[in-house]
Amino acid sequence: MQVEVDLKRCQDHGQCVYAAPDLFALDDEGRLSLRSRATDVYVADVDEASAEELHEAAEVCPLQAITVHE
């Protein structure tokens, strides 16, 4: 399973961090820590054990910046 985060769309609301704290984090400035990457889209493989949290994070994102690919 893969997660894709559109960092152009994301506005750092942090709902994904609360839904899936093992997958997402905010930095010291309150911004999604994935922003440290030099890309506008973050894609990563995610273990099936984290599927429920990942789907919850995608669902609660107010800007729908998270996409889950099965």
C-alpha atoms as a PDB file:
ATOM      1  CA  MET A   1       0.000   0.000   0.000  1.00  0.00           C
ATOM      2  CA  GLN A   2       1.230   3.509  -0.737  1.00  0.00           C
ATOM      3  CA  VAL A   3       0.477   6.941   0.642  1.00  0.00           C
ATOM      4  CA  GLU A   4       0.703  10.054  -1.484  1.00  0.00           C
ATOM      5  CA  VAL A   5       0.671  13.512   0.090  1.00  0.00           C
ATOM      6  CA  ASP A   6       0.197  16.548  -2.121  1.00  0.00           C
ATOM      7  CA  LEU A   7       2.366  19.071  -0.311  1.00  0.00           C
ATOM      8  CA  LYS A   8       1.096  21.904  -2.504  1.00  0.00           C
ATOM      9  CA  ARG A   9      -2.446  21.249  -1.297  1.00  0.00           C
ATOM     10  CA  CYS A  10      -1.527  20.565   2.357  1.00  0.00           C
ATOM     11  CA  GLN A  11      -1.897  23.549   4.688  1.00  0.00           C
ATOM     12  CA  ASP A  12      -0.457  21.936   7.839  1.00  0.00           C
ATOM     13  CA  HIS A  13      -3.722  21.564   9.757  1.00  0.00           C
ATOM     14  CA  GLY A  14      -2.192  18.511  11.473  1.00  0.00           C
ATOM     15  CA  GLN A  15      -5.266  16.289  11.494  1.00  0.00           C
ATOM     16  CA  CYS A  16      -3.198  13.511   9.904  1.00  0.00           C
ATOM     17  CA  VAL A  17      -0.781  13.691  12.838  1.00  0.00           C
ATOM     18  CA  TYR A  18      -3.588  13.046  15.315  1.00  0.00           C
ATOM     19  CA  ALA A  19      -5.050  10.224  13.205  1.00  0.00           C
ATOM     20  CA  ALA A  20      -1.743   8.523  12.377  1.00  0.00           C
ATOM     21  CA  PRO A  21       1.054   9.708  14.688  1.00  0.00           C
ATOM     22  CA  ASP A  22       3.353   6.870  13.610  1.00  0.00           C
ATOM     23  CA  LEU A  23       3.167   8.048   9.982  1.00  0.00           C
ATOM     24  CA  PHE A  24       2.925  11.850  10.189  1.00  0.00           C
ATOM     25  CA  ALA A  25       4.524  14.514  12.399  1.00  0.00           C
ATOM     26  CA  LEU A  26       4.745  18.265  12.742  1.00  0.00           C
ATOM     27  CA  ASP A  27       8.118  19.986  12.998  1.00  0.00           C
ATOM     28  CA  ASP A  28       9.085  22.591  15.605  1.00  0.00           C
ATOM     29  CA  GLU A  29       7.427  25.304  13.516  1.00  0.00           C
ATOM     30  CA  GLY A  30       4.099  23.440  13.362  1.00  0.00           C
ATOM     31  CA  ARG A  31       4.501  22.419   9.722  1.00  0.00           C
ATOM     32  CA  LEU A  32       4.147  18.895   8.381  1.00  0.00           C
ATOM     33  CA  SER A  33       7.621  17.382   8.685  1.00  0.00           C
ATOM     34  CA  LEU A  34       7.413  15.953   5.146  1.00  0.00           C
ATOM     35  CA  ARG A  35       8.018  19.493   3.875  1.00  0.00           C
ATOM     36  CA  SER A  36      11.752  19.054   4.418  1.00  0.00           C
ATOM     37  CA  ARG A  37      11.795  17.039   1.193  1.00  0.00           C
ATOM     38  CA  ALA A  38      12.568  18.791  -2.103  1.00  0.00           C
ATOM     39  CA  THR A  39       9.350  17.748  -3.839  1.00  0.00           C
ATOM     40  CA  ASP A  40       5.720  18.845  -4.058  1.00  0.00           C
ATOM     41  CA  VAL A  41       4.414  15.283  -3.724  1.00  0.00           C
ATOM     42  CA  TYR A  42       5.517  12.778  -1.107  1.00  0.00           C
ATOM     43  CA  VAL A  43       4.996   9.074  -1.920  1.00  0.00           C
ATOM     44  CA  ALA A  44       5.906   6.196   0.390  1.00  0.00           C
ATOM     45  CA  ASP A  45       5.156   2.541   0.935  1.00  0.00           C
ATOM     46  CA  VAL A  46       3.189   1.871   4.111  1.00  0.00           C
ATOM     47  CA  ASP A  47       2.956  -1.388   6.023  1.00  0.00           C
ATOM     48  CA  GLU A  48      -0.481  -3.041   6.009  1.00  0.00           C
ATOM     49  CA  ALA A  49      -0.456  -2.908   9.809  1.00  0.00           C
ATOM     50  CA  SER A  50      -0.831   0.881   9.547  1.00  0.00           C
ATOM     51  CA  ALA A  51      -3.692   0.726   7.037  1.00  0.00           C
ATOM     52  CA  GLU A  52      -6.449   1.754   9.446  1.00  0.00           C
ATOM     53  CA  GLU A  53      -4.537   4.806  10.696  1.00  0.00           C
ATOM     54  CA  LEU A  54      -3.568   5.778   7.162  1.00  0.00           C
ATOM     55  CA  HIS A  55      -7.144   5.628   5.895  1.00  0.00           C
ATOM     56  CA  GLU A  56      -8.279   7.677   8.904  1.00  0.00           C
ATOM     57  CA  ALA A  57      -5.612  10.318   8.182  1.00  0.00           C
ATOM     58  CA  ALA A  58      -6.732  10.564   4.558  1.00  0.00           C
ATOM     59  CA  GLU A  59     -10.364  10.860   5.623  1.00  0.00           C
ATOM     60  CA  VAL A  60      -9.822  13.631   8.180  1.00  0.00           C
ATOM     61  CA  CYS A  61      -7.539  15.773   6.006  1.00  0.00           C
ATOM     62  CA  PRO A  62      -9.616  18.945   5.459  1.00  0.00           C
ATOM     63  CA  LEU A  63      -8.010  19.570   2.053  1.00  0.00           C
ATOM     64  CA  GLN A  64      -7.955  15.929   0.917  1.00  0.00           C
ATOM     65  CA  ALA A  65      -4.184  16.156   0.345  1.00  0.00           C
ATOM     66  CA  ILE A  66      -3.644  12.494   1.295  1.00  0.00           C
ATOM     67  CA  THR A  67      -4.362   9.673  -1.142  1.00  0.00           C
ATOM     68  CA  VAL A  68      -4.082   5.981  -0.301  1.00  0.00           C
ATOM     69  CA  HIS A  69      -3.201   3.561  -3.104  1.00  0.00           C
ATOM     70  CA  GLU A  70      -4.019  -0.065  -2.349  1.00  0.00           C
END
